[in-house]
Amino acid sequence: MIKTLLIAMLTALALYCQSQVTSSSGMDYPEGIYRTKEDFLKKIPTEKKELVAKTIYVSGRKVIDTIPDHCAFYYKENDKKVKKTFAICYRGNLYFQAGFILKHRNKEDKSQTTNFPNTFCRVRIAGQNFLYTELELANAWKQNLGHGLGGAVGGVIASNAIQPKGIVWDFKNEEFNIFRSCKDYNDFIQDKYPEGVQECDSREPDLLQVRAAMEIIK
């Protein structure tokens, strides 16, 4: 009963924090573009240029005036897309590029892939130990299986391979850890916050509960 109540309270806190970034030393980054992991670790922007956030879809791409959770960035001066960039601090919010998350991921996460490597995802929770974000990623093996089968069934398999994943930047290990499944998330959280372990009623972890746990261990 107590554990259930605690989870409910933390879930409510996570919902509140979903649209915000926690203020902490983990977010002490100057505005700018961090081309490499080394620049990011030193907290020294590679360049400082005015950027515009836009939706990621090729058809009907629009400027985003609010603070997006997922977007593509363009240089305001020439409308060229920002590519090959580890991170961006934009309007006080930190963003990681999808392609660089995969480039600097834990070796156990090699099955994960994305169709949009030049898009960025916003850090939702920040602390001294971890920076937490979320991104839609696909299991490459399942996606390739679906494409190989073709037809309606193959299309469903390929589509279902894409799921929103919780991701942490681990300051200690200087790498990204992707929660590939509920079991994988439990393996991560078990020794850090046992109360955050989930029942795994489905393959994917409950992201609201993941956020609540990250607020505790950040």
N, C-alpha and C. Protein backbone atom coordinates (compact mmCIF):
# COMPACT_ATOMS: atom_id res chain seq x y z
N MET A 1 0.83 -1.20 0.00
CA MET A 1 0.00 0.00 0.00
C MET A 1 0.87 1.26 0.00
N ILE A 2 1.89 1.24 0.85
CA ILE A 2 2.78 2.41 0.95
C ILE A 2 3.54 2.60 -0.36
N LYS A 3 3.99 1.47 -0.96
CA LYS A 3 4.73 1.57 -2.22
C LYS A 3 3.83 2.13 -3.31
N THR A 4 2.56 1.68 -3.34
CA THR A 4 1.61 2.16 -4.34
C THR A 4 1.38 3.65 -4.20
N LEU A 5 1.23 4.11 -2.95
CA LEU A 5 1.01 5.53 -2.69
C LEU A 5 2.23 6.35 -3.10
N LEU A 6 3.42 5.81 -2.80
CA LEU A 6 4.65 6.51 -3.16
C LEU A 6 4.77 6.65 -4.67
N ILE A 7 4.47 5.56 -5.39
CA ILE A 7 4.54 5.60 -6.85
C ILE A 7 3.57 6.63 -7.42
N ALA A 8 2.36 6.68 -6.83
CA ALA A 8 1.35 7.64 -7.29
C ALA A 8 1.83 9.07 -7.09
N MET A 9 2.44 9.33 -5.93
CA MET A 9 2.94 10.68 -5.64
C MET A 9 4.07 11.06 -6.58
N LEU A 10 4.97 10.11 -6.83
CA LEU A 10 6.10 10.39 -7.71
C LEU A 10 5.67 10.54 -9.15
N THR A 11 4.64 9.79 -9.54
CA THR A 11 4.11 9.92 -10.89
C THR A 11 3.52 11.30 -11.10
N ALA A 12 2.80 11.81 -10.09
CA ALA A 12 2.24 13.16 -10.18
C ALA A 12 3.36 14.19 -10.32
N LEU A 13 4.45 13.96 -9.58
CA LEU A 13 5.59 14.87 -9.67
C LEU A 13 6.21 14.82 -11.06
N ALA A 14 6.29 13.61 -11.62
CA ALA A 14 6.87 13.46 -12.96
C ALA A 14 6.02 14.17 -14.01
N LEU A 15 4.71 14.11 -13.87
CA LEU A 15 3.83 14.80 -14.80
C LEU A 15 4.07 16.30 -14.76
N TYR A 16 4.29 16.83 -13.56
CA TYR A 16 4.56 18.26 -13.42
C TYR A 16 5.89 18.62 -14.08
N CYS A 17 6.85 17.70 -13.93
CA CYS A 17 8.20 17.99 -14.43
C CYS A 17 8.34 17.71 -15.92
N GLN A 18 7.32 17.07 -16.52
CA GLN A 18 7.42 16.66 -17.92
C GLN A 18 7.70 17.83 -18.84
N SER A 19 7.08 18.98 -18.57
CA SER A 19 7.24 20.13 -19.45
C SER A 19 8.30 21.10 -18.94
N GLN A 20 9.09 20.66 -17.95
CA GLN A 20 10.09 21.53 -17.37
C GLN A 20 11.43 20.82 -17.31
N VAL A 21 12.49 21.58 -17.12
CA VAL A 21 13.80 21.00 -16.89
C VAL A 21 14.22 21.37 -15.49
N THR A 22 14.59 20.37 -14.70
CA THR A 22 14.98 20.61 -13.33
C THR A 22 16.24 21.46 -13.27
N SER A 23 16.23 22.49 -12.46
CA SER A 23 17.40 23.35 -12.31
C SER A 23 18.41 22.67 -11.39
N SER A 24 19.61 22.45 -11.88
CA SER A 24 20.66 21.82 -11.09
C SER A 24 21.99 22.04 -11.77
N SER A 25 23.05 21.61 -11.08
CA SER A 25 24.38 21.77 -11.67
C SER A 25 24.51 20.97 -12.95
N GLY A 26 23.67 19.94 -13.12
CA GLY A 26 23.72 19.14 -14.33
C GLY A 26 23.27 19.89 -15.56
N MET A 27 22.61 21.05 -15.39
CA MET A 27 22.14 21.83 -16.52
C MET A 27 22.88 23.15 -16.66
N ASP A 28 24.03 23.24 -16.08
CA ASP A 28 24.80 24.47 -16.10
C ASP A 28 25.60 24.57 -17.40
N TYR A 29 24.87 24.74 -18.51
CA TYR A 29 25.50 24.82 -19.82
C TYR A 29 25.17 26.15 -20.48
N PRO A 30 26.18 26.86 -20.98
CA PRO A 30 25.93 28.11 -21.70
C PRO A 30 25.16 27.84 -23.00
N GLU A 31 24.39 28.82 -23.45
CA GLU A 31 23.67 28.71 -24.72
C GLU A 31 24.68 28.48 -25.84
N GLY A 32 24.33 27.61 -26.77
CA GLY A 32 25.21 27.40 -27.91
C GLY A 32 25.16 25.99 -28.44
N ILE A 33 26.03 25.73 -29.40
CA ILE A 33 26.09 24.46 -30.10
C ILE A 33 27.34 23.70 -29.66
N TYR A 34 27.17 22.47 -29.22
CA TYR A 34 28.27 21.63 -28.77
C TYR A 34 28.48 20.53 -29.81
N ARG A 35 29.43 20.72 -30.67
CA ARG A 35 29.63 19.80 -31.79
C ARG A 35 30.06 18.40 -31.33
N THR A 36 30.91 18.34 -30.33
CA THR A 36 31.47 17.06 -29.92
C THR A 36 31.18 16.77 -28.46
N LYS A 37 31.36 15.51 -28.09
CA LYS A 37 31.21 15.12 -26.68
C LYS A 37 32.23 15.86 -25.82
N GLU A 38 33.43 16.06 -26.35
CA GLU A 38 34.48 16.74 -25.60
C GLU A 38 34.07 18.18 -25.28
N ASP A 39 33.49 18.89 -26.25
CA ASP A 39 33.02 20.26 -26.00
C ASP A 39 31.93 20.25 -24.93
N PHE A 40 31.05 19.27 -25.01
CA PHE A 40 29.96 19.15 -24.05
C PHE A 40 30.51 18.91 -22.64
N LEU A 41 31.47 18.02 -22.51
CA LEU A 41 32.04 17.72 -21.20
C LEU A 41 32.74 18.93 -20.60
N LYS A 42 33.35 19.74 -21.47
CA LYS A 42 34.04 20.95 -20.99
C LYS A 42 33.08 22.11 -20.78
N LYS A 43 31.82 21.94 -21.22
CA LYS A 43 30.79 22.98 -21.14
C LYS A 43 31.22 24.24 -21.88
N ILE A 44 31.89 24.04 -23.02
CA ILE A 44 32.33 25.15 -23.85
C ILE A 44 31.70 24.99 -25.23
N PRO A 45 30.76 25.85 -25.61
CA PRO A 45 30.11 25.73 -26.93
C PRO A 45 31.12 25.86 -28.07
N THR A 46 30.94 25.03 -29.09
CA THR A 46 31.79 25.11 -30.27
C THR A 46 31.49 26.40 -31.02
N GLU A 47 30.23 26.77 -31.08
CA GLU A 47 29.81 28.01 -31.72
C GLU A 47 28.51 28.50 -31.11
N LYS A 48 28.30 29.80 -31.25
CA LYS A 48 27.07 30.41 -30.75
C LYS A 48 26.40 31.14 -31.90
N LYS A 49 25.36 30.52 -32.44
CA LYS A 49 24.61 31.12 -33.54
C LYS A 49 23.13 31.02 -33.24
N GLU A 50 22.37 31.96 -33.75
CA GLU A 50 20.93 31.95 -33.50
C GLU A 50 20.29 30.81 -34.28
N LEU A 51 19.44 30.05 -33.57
CA LEU A 51 18.81 28.87 -34.16
C LEU A 51 17.29 29.00 -34.17
N VAL A 52 16.69 28.21 -35.04
CA VAL A 52 15.23 28.13 -35.13
C VAL A 52 14.84 26.66 -35.00
N ALA A 53 13.89 26.36 -34.14
CA ALA A 53 13.39 24.99 -33.98
C ALA A 53 12.23 24.76 -34.94
N LYS A 54 12.24 23.60 -35.62
CA LYS A 54 11.16 23.27 -36.55
C LYS A 54 10.72 21.82 -36.33
N THR A 55 9.50 21.53 -36.80
CA THR A 55 9.01 20.16 -36.74
C THR A 55 9.89 19.28 -37.62
N ILE A 56 9.88 17.98 -37.34
CA ILE A 56 10.84 17.10 -37.99
C ILE A 56 10.38 16.57 -39.34
N TYR A 57 9.10 16.71 -39.66
CA TYR A 57 8.58 16.08 -40.87
C TYR A 57 8.89 16.92 -42.11
N VAL A 58 9.29 16.23 -43.19
CA VAL A 58 9.68 16.91 -44.42
C VAL A 58 8.51 17.68 -45.01
N SER A 59 7.33 17.05 -45.06
CA SER A 59 6.15 17.71 -45.60
C SER A 59 5.50 18.56 -44.51
N GLY A 60 5.28 19.83 -44.80
CA GLY A 60 4.63 20.70 -43.84
C GLY A 60 5.49 21.08 -42.66
N ARG A 61 6.81 21.12 -42.83
CA ARG A 61 7.69 21.50 -41.73
C ARG A 61 7.39 22.92 -41.29
N LYS A 62 7.22 23.11 -39.97
CA LYS A 62 6.83 24.42 -39.45
C LYS A 62 7.75 24.86 -38.32
N VAL A 63 7.86 26.16 -38.15
CA VAL A 63 8.63 26.73 -37.04
C VAL A 63 7.87 26.48 -35.75
N ILE A 64 8.61 26.12 -34.70
CA ILE A 64 8.01 25.88 -33.38
C ILE A 64 8.36 27.05 -32.48
N ASP A 65 7.34 27.76 -32.03
CA ASP A 65 7.58 28.95 -31.19
C ASP A 65 7.73 28.59 -29.72
N THR A 66 7.18 27.45 -29.30
CA THR A 66 7.30 27.02 -27.92
C THR A 66 8.59 26.23 -27.72
N ILE A 67 8.77 25.68 -26.53
CA ILE A 67 9.93 24.83 -26.27
C ILE A 67 9.55 23.39 -26.59
N PRO A 68 10.05 22.84 -27.69
CA PRO A 68 9.64 21.49 -28.10
C PRO A 68 10.41 20.40 -27.35
N ASP A 69 9.80 19.23 -27.25
CA ASP A 69 10.49 18.07 -26.70
C ASP A 69 11.31 17.36 -27.77
N HIS A 70 10.88 17.50 -29.03
CA HIS A 70 11.55 16.82 -30.13
C HIS A 70 11.47 17.72 -31.36
N CYS A 71 12.59 17.99 -31.99
CA CYS A 71 12.58 18.94 -33.11
C CYS A 71 13.85 18.79 -33.94
N ALA A 72 13.91 19.56 -35.01
CA ALA A 72 15.14 19.76 -35.78
C ALA A 72 15.52 21.23 -35.62
N PHE A 73 16.80 21.51 -35.64
CA PHE A 73 17.27 22.89 -35.52
C PHE A 73 17.85 23.37 -36.84
N TYR A 74 17.60 24.66 -37.12
CA TYR A 74 18.10 25.30 -38.33
C TYR A 74 18.78 26.61 -37.96
N TYR A 75 19.84 26.93 -38.72
CA TYR A 75 20.50 28.22 -38.53
C TYR A 75 19.57 29.32 -39.06
N LYS A 76 19.35 30.33 -38.24
CA LYS A 76 18.46 31.41 -38.65
C LYS A 76 19.02 32.18 -39.83
N GLU A 77 20.34 32.27 -39.92
CA GLU A 77 20.97 33.10 -40.96
C GLU A 77 20.80 32.54 -42.37
N ASN A 78 20.71 31.20 -42.50
CA ASN A 78 20.64 30.62 -43.85
C ASN A 78 19.64 29.47 -43.98
N ASP A 79 18.93 29.16 -42.91
CA ASP A 79 17.90 28.11 -42.89
C ASP A 79 18.46 26.73 -43.20
N LYS A 80 19.74 26.51 -42.92
CA LYS A 80 20.33 25.18 -43.10
C LYS A 80 20.17 24.37 -41.81
N LYS A 81 19.91 23.08 -41.99
CA LYS A 81 19.70 22.22 -40.83
C LYS A 81 21.02 21.99 -40.08
N VAL A 82 20.94 21.98 -38.76
CA VAL A 82 22.10 21.67 -37.93
C VAL A 82 22.31 20.16 -37.93
N LYS A 83 23.50 19.73 -38.34
CA LYS A 83 23.81 18.30 -38.41
C LYS A 83 25.09 18.00 -37.63
N LYS A 84 25.31 16.72 -37.37
CA LYS A 84 26.54 16.24 -36.73
C LYS A 84 26.91 17.08 -35.51
N THR A 85 25.97 17.11 -34.58
CA THR A 85 26.14 17.92 -33.37
C THR A 85 25.74 17.10 -32.15
N PHE A 86 26.60 17.08 -31.15
CA PHE A 86 26.33 16.28 -29.95
C PHE A 86 25.16 16.85 -29.15
N ALA A 87 25.18 18.15 -28.90
CA ALA A 87 24.14 18.76 -28.07
C ALA A 87 23.98 20.23 -28.41
N ILE A 88 22.82 20.77 -28.02
CA ILE A 88 22.53 22.19 -28.18
C ILE A 88 21.84 22.69 -26.93
N CYS A 89 22.26 23.84 -26.44
CA CYS A 89 21.53 24.50 -25.36
C CYS A 89 20.74 25.64 -26.00
N TYR A 90 19.41 25.53 -25.96
CA TYR A 90 18.52 26.42 -26.69
C TYR A 90 17.47 26.97 -25.72
N ARG A 91 17.47 28.28 -25.54
CA ARG A 91 16.53 28.94 -24.65
C ARG A 91 16.54 28.32 -23.25
N GLY A 92 17.74 28.01 -22.77
CA GLY A 92 17.87 27.45 -21.42
C GLY A 92 17.59 25.97 -21.31
N ASN A 93 17.29 25.31 -22.43
CA ASN A 93 17.01 23.88 -22.44
C ASN A 93 18.10 23.14 -23.20
N LEU A 94 18.47 21.99 -22.68
CA LEU A 94 19.52 21.19 -23.30
C LEU A 94 18.90 20.12 -24.18
N TYR A 95 19.46 19.95 -25.39
CA TYR A 95 18.98 18.96 -26.36
C TYR A 95 20.14 18.08 -26.81
N PHE A 96 19.86 16.77 -26.95
CA PHE A 96 20.83 15.84 -27.52
C PHE A 96 20.37 15.42 -28.91
N GLN A 97 21.33 15.26 -29.82
CA GLN A 97 20.98 14.81 -31.17
C GLN A 97 20.87 13.29 -31.20
N ALA A 98 19.84 12.79 -31.89
CA ALA A 98 19.55 11.36 -31.92
C ALA A 98 20.75 10.54 -32.41
N GLY A 99 21.38 11.01 -33.48
CA GLY A 99 22.50 10.27 -34.05
C GLY A 99 23.67 10.14 -33.09
N PHE A 100 23.90 11.17 -32.27
CA PHE A 100 25.01 11.13 -31.32
C PHE A 100 24.65 10.33 -30.08
N ILE A 101 23.36 10.23 -29.77
CA ILE A 101 22.94 9.32 -28.70
C ILE A 101 23.33 7.89 -29.09
N LEU A 102 23.08 7.53 -30.34
CA LEU A 102 23.42 6.19 -30.80
C LEU A 102 24.94 6.02 -30.93
N LYS A 103 25.62 7.06 -31.30
CA LYS A 103 27.08 6.98 -31.45
C LYS A 103 27.77 6.76 -30.11
N HIS A 104 27.23 7.35 -29.05
CA HIS A 104 27.86 7.28 -27.73
C HIS A 104 27.02 6.46 -26.75
N ARG A 105 26.28 5.49 -27.24
CA ARG A 105 25.44 4.65 -26.38
C ARG A 105 26.26 3.53 -25.73
N ASN A 106 25.69 2.97 -24.68
CA ASN A 106 26.25 1.79 -24.05
C ASN A 106 26.29 0.65 -25.07
N LYS A 107 27.31 -0.18 -25.01
CA LYS A 107 27.48 -1.24 -26.01
C LYS A 107 26.33 -2.24 -26.01
N GLU A 108 25.59 -2.34 -24.91
CA GLU A 108 24.46 -3.27 -24.85
C GLU A 108 23.26 -2.75 -25.65
N ASP A 109 23.31 -1.49 -26.05
CA ASP A 109 22.16 -0.87 -26.73
C ASP A 109 22.32 -0.82 -28.25
N LYS A 110 23.17 -1.66 -28.80
CA LYS A 110 23.49 -1.59 -30.23
C LYS A 110 22.32 -1.93 -31.13
N SER A 111 21.26 -2.55 -30.58
CA SER A 111 20.11 -2.91 -31.41
C SER A 111 19.22 -1.72 -31.75
N GLN A 112 19.42 -0.59 -31.07
CA GLN A 112 18.54 0.56 -31.26
C GLN A 112 18.98 1.42 -32.44
N THR A 113 17.98 1.94 -33.18
CA THR A 113 18.28 2.77 -34.35
C THR A 113 17.19 3.83 -34.51
N THR A 114 17.41 4.76 -35.42
CA THR A 114 16.44 5.83 -35.67
C THR A 114 16.42 6.19 -37.15
N ASN A 115 15.27 6.64 -37.63
CA ASN A 115 15.15 7.12 -39.00
C ASN A 115 15.44 8.61 -39.10
N PHE A 116 15.61 9.27 -37.95
CA PHE A 116 15.82 10.72 -37.92
C PHE A 116 17.05 11.08 -37.09
N PRO A 117 18.25 10.75 -37.57
CA PRO A 117 19.47 10.96 -36.77
C PRO A 117 19.81 12.42 -36.50
N ASN A 118 19.28 13.35 -37.32
CA ASN A 118 19.62 14.76 -37.14
C ASN A 118 18.60 15.53 -36.31
N THR A 119 17.66 14.82 -35.70
CA THR A 119 16.69 15.48 -34.82
C THR A 119 17.22 15.51 -33.39
N PHE A 120 16.59 16.35 -32.57
CA PHE A 120 17.04 16.55 -31.20
C PHE A 120 15.93 16.27 -30.20
N CYS A 121 16.29 15.76 -29.03
CA CYS A 121 15.32 15.53 -27.96
C CYS A 121 15.76 16.30 -26.72
N ARG A 122 14.78 16.87 -26.04
CA ARG A 122 15.04 17.76 -24.90
C ARG A 122 15.29 16.98 -23.61
N VAL A 123 16.24 17.44 -22.84
CA VAL A 123 16.47 16.88 -21.50
C VAL A 123 15.31 17.29 -20.61
N ARG A 124 14.63 16.30 -20.04
CA ARG A 124 13.45 16.53 -19.23
C ARG A 124 13.78 16.63 -17.74
N ILE A 125 14.78 15.87 -17.30
CA ILE A 125 15.17 15.84 -15.89
C ILE A 125 16.69 15.89 -15.83
N ALA A 126 17.21 16.79 -15.00
CA ALA A 126 18.66 16.97 -14.94
C ALA A 126 19.14 16.93 -13.50
N GLY A 127 20.27 16.29 -13.29
CA GLY A 127 20.87 16.22 -11.97
C GLY A 127 22.37 16.05 -12.07
N GLN A 128 23.00 15.76 -10.96
CA GLN A 128 24.45 15.61 -10.92
C GLN A 128 24.89 14.25 -11.45
N ASN A 129 23.99 13.27 -11.43
CA ASN A 129 24.35 11.92 -11.87
C ASN A 129 23.90 11.61 -13.30
N PHE A 130 22.70 12.09 -13.65
CA PHE A 130 22.12 11.75 -14.94
C PHE A 130 21.38 12.93 -15.56
N LEU A 131 21.30 12.89 -16.89
CA LEU A 131 20.40 13.76 -17.64
C LEU A 131 19.43 12.82 -18.36
N TYR A 132 18.14 13.03 -18.16
CA TYR A 132 17.14 12.12 -18.69
C TYR A 132 16.36 12.74 -19.84
N THR A 133 16.19 11.98 -20.92
CA THR A 133 15.42 12.42 -22.07
C THR A 133 14.64 11.23 -22.63
N GLU A 134 13.82 11.48 -23.64
CA GLU A 134 13.05 10.43 -24.28
C GLU A 134 13.07 10.62 -25.79
N LEU A 135 13.07 9.51 -26.50
CA LEU A 135 13.17 9.56 -27.96
C LEU A 135 12.55 8.30 -28.55
N GLU A 136 11.86 8.45 -29.67
CA GLU A 136 11.34 7.28 -30.37
C GLU A 136 12.49 6.59 -31.11
N LEU A 137 12.71 5.33 -30.75
CA LEU A 137 13.75 4.53 -31.38
C LEU A 137 13.15 3.20 -31.84
N ALA A 138 13.84 2.55 -32.74
CA ALA A 138 13.37 1.27 -33.26
C ALA A 138 14.37 0.18 -32.94
N ASN A 139 13.85 -1.02 -32.71
CA ASN A 139 14.70 -2.20 -32.64
C ASN A 139 15.06 -2.57 -34.07
N ALA A 140 16.32 -2.43 -34.42
CA ALA A 140 16.76 -2.61 -35.81
C ALA A 140 16.44 -4.00 -36.34
N TRP A 141 16.59 -5.02 -35.50
CA TRP A 141 16.35 -6.38 -35.96
C TRP A 141 14.88 -6.58 -36.30
N LYS A 142 13.98 -6.08 -35.46
CA LYS A 142 12.55 -6.21 -35.73
C LYS A 142 12.14 -5.39 -36.95
N GLN A 143 12.71 -4.20 -37.04
CA GLN A 143 12.37 -3.33 -38.17
C GLN A 143 12.82 -3.97 -39.49
N ASN A 144 14.02 -4.54 -39.51
CA ASN A 144 14.52 -5.20 -40.72
C ASN A 144 13.69 -6.43 -41.07
N LEU A 145 13.24 -7.14 -40.04
CA LEU A 145 12.37 -8.29 -40.27
C LEU A 145 11.08 -7.87 -40.96
N GLY A 146 10.48 -6.78 -40.45
CA GLY A 146 9.24 -6.27 -41.05
C GLY A 146 9.44 -5.84 -42.48
N HIS A 147 10.53 -5.11 -42.73
CA HIS A 147 10.80 -4.66 -44.10
C HIS A 147 11.05 -5.86 -45.02
N GLY A 148 11.69 -6.91 -44.47
CA GLY A 148 11.99 -8.08 -45.27
C GLY A 148 10.74 -8.87 -45.64
N LEU A 149 9.80 -8.92 -44.71
CA LEU A 149 8.55 -9.64 -44.98
C LEU A 149 7.69 -8.89 -45.99
N GLY A 150 7.68 -7.56 -45.87
CA GLY A 150 6.88 -6.75 -46.78
C GLY A 150 5.39 -6.91 -46.54
N GLY A 151 4.58 -6.23 -47.32
CA GLY A 151 3.14 -6.34 -47.20
C GLY A 151 2.62 -5.70 -45.92
N ALA A 152 1.34 -5.93 -45.66
CA ALA A 152 0.69 -5.33 -44.50
C ALA A 152 1.28 -5.85 -43.19
N VAL A 153 1.52 -7.16 -43.13
CA VAL A 153 2.07 -7.76 -41.91
C VAL A 153 3.47 -7.22 -41.62
N GLY A 154 4.29 -7.17 -42.66
CA GLY A 154 5.64 -6.63 -42.49
C GLY A 154 5.61 -5.17 -42.07
N GLY A 155 4.66 -4.41 -42.64
CA GLY A 155 4.54 -3.00 -42.27
C GLY A 155 4.18 -2.82 -40.81
N VAL A 156 3.31 -3.68 -40.31
CA VAL A 156 2.91 -3.61 -38.89
C VAL A 156 4.09 -3.93 -37.98
N ILE A 157 4.84 -4.97 -38.34
CA ILE A 157 6.01 -5.35 -37.54
C ILE A 157 7.04 -4.22 -37.51
N ALA A 158 7.31 -3.63 -38.67
CA ALA A 158 8.28 -2.54 -38.75
C ALA A 158 7.80 -1.33 -37.95
N SER A 159 6.50 -1.04 -38.04
CA SER A 159 5.95 0.10 -37.32
C SER A 159 5.99 -0.13 -35.81
N ASN A 160 5.66 -1.35 -35.39
CA ASN A 160 5.64 -1.67 -33.96
C ASN A 160 7.04 -1.73 -33.36
N ALA A 161 8.05 -1.80 -34.22
CA ALA A 161 9.43 -1.82 -33.72
C ALA A 161 9.84 -0.46 -33.16
N ILE A 162 9.09 0.59 -33.54
CA ILE A 162 9.41 1.95 -33.09
C ILE A 162 8.63 2.25 -31.81
N GLN A 163 9.34 2.58 -30.74
CA GLN A 163 8.71 2.85 -29.46
C GLN A 163 9.43 4.02 -28.77
N PRO A 164 8.71 4.83 -27.97
CA PRO A 164 9.38 5.86 -27.19
C PRO A 164 10.24 5.22 -26.10
N LYS A 165 11.48 5.64 -26.01
CA LYS A 165 12.42 5.05 -25.06
C LYS A 165 12.94 6.11 -24.09
N GLY A 166 13.06 5.73 -22.84
CA GLY A 166 13.74 6.57 -21.87
C GLY A 166 15.25 6.42 -22.06
N ILE A 167 15.97 7.53 -21.94
CA ILE A 167 17.42 7.53 -22.16
C ILE A 167 18.09 8.40 -21.10
N VAL A 168 19.20 7.93 -20.56
CA VAL A 168 19.95 8.76 -19.62
C VAL A 168 21.37 8.99 -20.13
N TRP A 169 21.85 10.22 -19.95
CA TRP A 169 23.27 10.49 -20.11
C TRP A 169 23.89 10.25 -18.75
N ASP A 170 24.81 9.31 -18.68
CA ASP A 170 25.46 8.90 -17.44
C ASP A 170 26.77 9.69 -17.32
N PHE A 171 26.81 10.65 -16.39
CA PHE A 171 28.00 11.48 -16.25
C PHE A 171 29.22 10.65 -15.88
N LYS A 172 29.05 9.67 -15.01
CA LYS A 172 30.18 8.87 -14.53
C LYS A 172 30.82 8.08 -15.66
N ASN A 173 29.99 7.43 -16.47
CA ASN A 173 30.51 6.59 -17.54
C ASN A 173 30.64 7.31 -18.88
N GLU A 174 30.16 8.55 -18.93
CA GLU A 174 30.25 9.38 -20.12
C GLU A 174 29.66 8.67 -21.34
N GLU A 175 28.43 8.18 -21.18
CA GLU A 175 27.75 7.49 -22.26
C GLU A 175 26.25 7.55 -22.05
N PHE A 176 25.50 7.24 -23.11
CA PHE A 176 24.05 7.17 -23.02
C PHE A 176 23.62 5.74 -22.72
N ASN A 177 22.63 5.61 -21.86
CA ASN A 177 22.05 4.31 -21.55
C ASN A 177 20.59 4.34 -21.98
N ILE A 178 20.22 3.50 -22.92
CA ILE A 178 18.87 3.46 -23.46
C ILE A 178 18.08 2.34 -22.76
N PHE A 179 16.90 2.67 -22.26
CA PHE A 179 16.06 1.65 -21.64
C PHE A 179 15.33 0.88 -22.74
N ARG A 180 15.92 -0.18 -23.21
CA ARG A 180 15.42 -0.92 -24.36
C ARG A 180 14.11 -1.65 -24.06
N SER A 181 13.93 -2.04 -22.82
CA SER A 181 12.74 -2.78 -22.42
C SER A 181 12.50 -2.56 -20.93
N CYS A 182 11.38 -3.06 -20.44
CA CYS A 182 11.09 -2.93 -19.01
C CYS A 182 12.15 -3.66 -18.19
N LYS A 183 12.52 -4.85 -18.64
CA LYS A 183 13.56 -5.61 -17.92
C LYS A 183 14.88 -4.86 -17.91
N ASP A 184 15.23 -4.27 -19.04
CA ASP A 184 16.48 -3.52 -19.12
C ASP A 184 16.45 -2.32 -18.17
N TYR A 185 15.30 -1.64 -18.11
CA TYR A 185 15.15 -0.52 -17.16
C TYR A 185 15.30 -1.03 -15.73
N ASN A 186 14.67 -2.15 -15.39
CA ASN A 186 14.77 -2.69 -14.03
C ASN A 186 16.20 -3.03 -13.66
N ASP A 187 16.95 -3.55 -14.62
CA ASP A 187 18.36 -3.86 -14.37
C ASP A 187 19.13 -2.58 -14.03
N PHE A 188 18.76 -1.48 -14.68
CA PHE A 188 19.41 -0.20 -14.43
C PHE A 188 19.05 0.37 -13.05
N ILE A 189 17.77 0.32 -12.69
CA ILE A 189 17.29 1.02 -11.50
C ILE A 189 17.44 0.21 -10.21
N GLN A 190 17.59 -1.13 -10.32
CA GLN A 190 17.55 -2.03 -9.17
C GLN A 190 18.47 -1.61 -8.03
N ASP A 191 19.73 -1.34 -8.33
CA ASP A 191 20.69 -1.03 -7.26
C ASP A 191 20.72 0.45 -6.90
N LYS A 192 20.06 1.28 -7.70
CA LYS A 192 20.06 2.72 -7.43
C LYS A 192 18.83 3.16 -6.64
N TYR A 193 17.69 2.52 -6.94
CA TYR A 193 16.44 2.88 -6.30
C TYR A 193 15.48 1.69 -6.43
N PRO A 194 15.58 0.71 -5.53
CA PRO A 194 14.78 -0.52 -5.63
C PRO A 194 13.28 -0.27 -5.72
N GLU A 195 12.81 0.83 -5.10
CA GLU A 195 11.38 1.13 -5.15
C GLU A 195 10.92 1.48 -6.56
N GLY A 196 11.86 1.78 -7.44
CA GLY A 196 11.52 2.15 -8.81
C GLY A 196 11.37 0.97 -9.75
N VAL A 197 11.65 -0.24 -9.27
CA VAL A 197 11.51 -1.43 -10.11
C VAL A 197 10.04 -1.62 -10.48
N GLN A 198 9.77 -1.93 -11.75
CA GLN A 198 8.41 -2.07 -12.25
C GLN A 198 8.01 -3.54 -12.41
N GLU A 199 6.69 -3.78 -12.45
CA GLU A 199 6.16 -5.14 -12.57
C GLU A 199 6.32 -5.69 -13.98
N CYS A 200 6.52 -4.83 -14.96
CA CYS A 200 6.69 -5.24 -16.36
C CYS A 200 5.47 -5.98 -16.90
N ASP A 201 4.32 -5.32 -16.82
CA ASP A 201 3.10 -5.88 -17.39
C ASP A 201 3.16 -5.91 -18.92
N SER A 202 4.01 -5.09 -19.50
CA SER A 202 4.23 -5.09 -20.94
C SER A 202 5.73 -5.03 -21.20
N ARG A 203 6.11 -5.16 -22.45
CA ARG A 203 7.54 -5.17 -22.77
C ARG A 203 8.20 -3.84 -22.44
N GLU A 204 7.47 -2.73 -22.66
CA GLU A 204 8.04 -1.41 -22.43
C GLU A 204 7.75 -0.94 -21.01
N PRO A 205 8.68 -0.25 -20.36
CA PRO A 205 8.42 0.28 -19.03
C PRO A 205 7.43 1.43 -19.08
N ASP A 206 6.75 1.68 -17.97
CA ASP A 206 5.85 2.82 -17.84
C ASP A 206 6.70 4.07 -17.71
N LEU A 207 6.67 4.94 -18.72
CA LEU A 207 7.56 6.11 -18.73
C LEU A 207 7.24 7.10 -17.63
N LEU A 208 5.98 7.17 -17.19
CA LEU A 208 5.66 8.06 -16.08
C LEU A 208 6.37 7.60 -14.81
N GLN A 209 6.40 6.30 -14.59
CA GLN A 209 7.11 5.77 -13.43
C GLN A 209 8.62 5.90 -13.60
N VAL A 210 9.10 5.78 -14.83
CA VAL A 210 10.53 5.99 -15.09
C VAL A 210 10.91 7.42 -14.73
N ARG A 211 10.11 8.39 -15.15
CA ARG A 211 10.40 9.80 -14.83
C ARG A 211 10.41 10.03 -13.33
N ALA A 212 9.45 9.42 -12.64
CA ALA A 212 9.37 9.59 -11.19
C ALA A 212 10.62 9.05 -10.52
N ALA A 213 11.11 7.89 -10.98
CA ALA A 213 12.32 7.32 -10.42
C ALA A 213 13.53 8.17 -10.73
N MET A 214 13.58 8.73 -11.96
CA MET A 214 14.73 9.56 -12.33
C MET A 214 14.79 10.83 -11.50
N GLU A 215 13.64 11.34 -11.08
CA GLU A 215 13.62 12.51 -10.19
C GLU A 215 14.31 12.18 -8.85
N ILE A 216 14.24 10.93 -8.45
CA ILE A 216 14.85 10.52 -7.19
C ILE A 216 16.36 10.35 -7.31
N ILE A 217 16.81 9.72 -8.40
CA ILE A 217 18.23 9.34 -8.48
C ILE A 217 19.08 10.32 -9.29
N LYS A 218 18.44 11.36 -9.83
CA LYS A 218 19.15 12.25 -10.74
C LYS A 218 20.44 12.83 -10.17
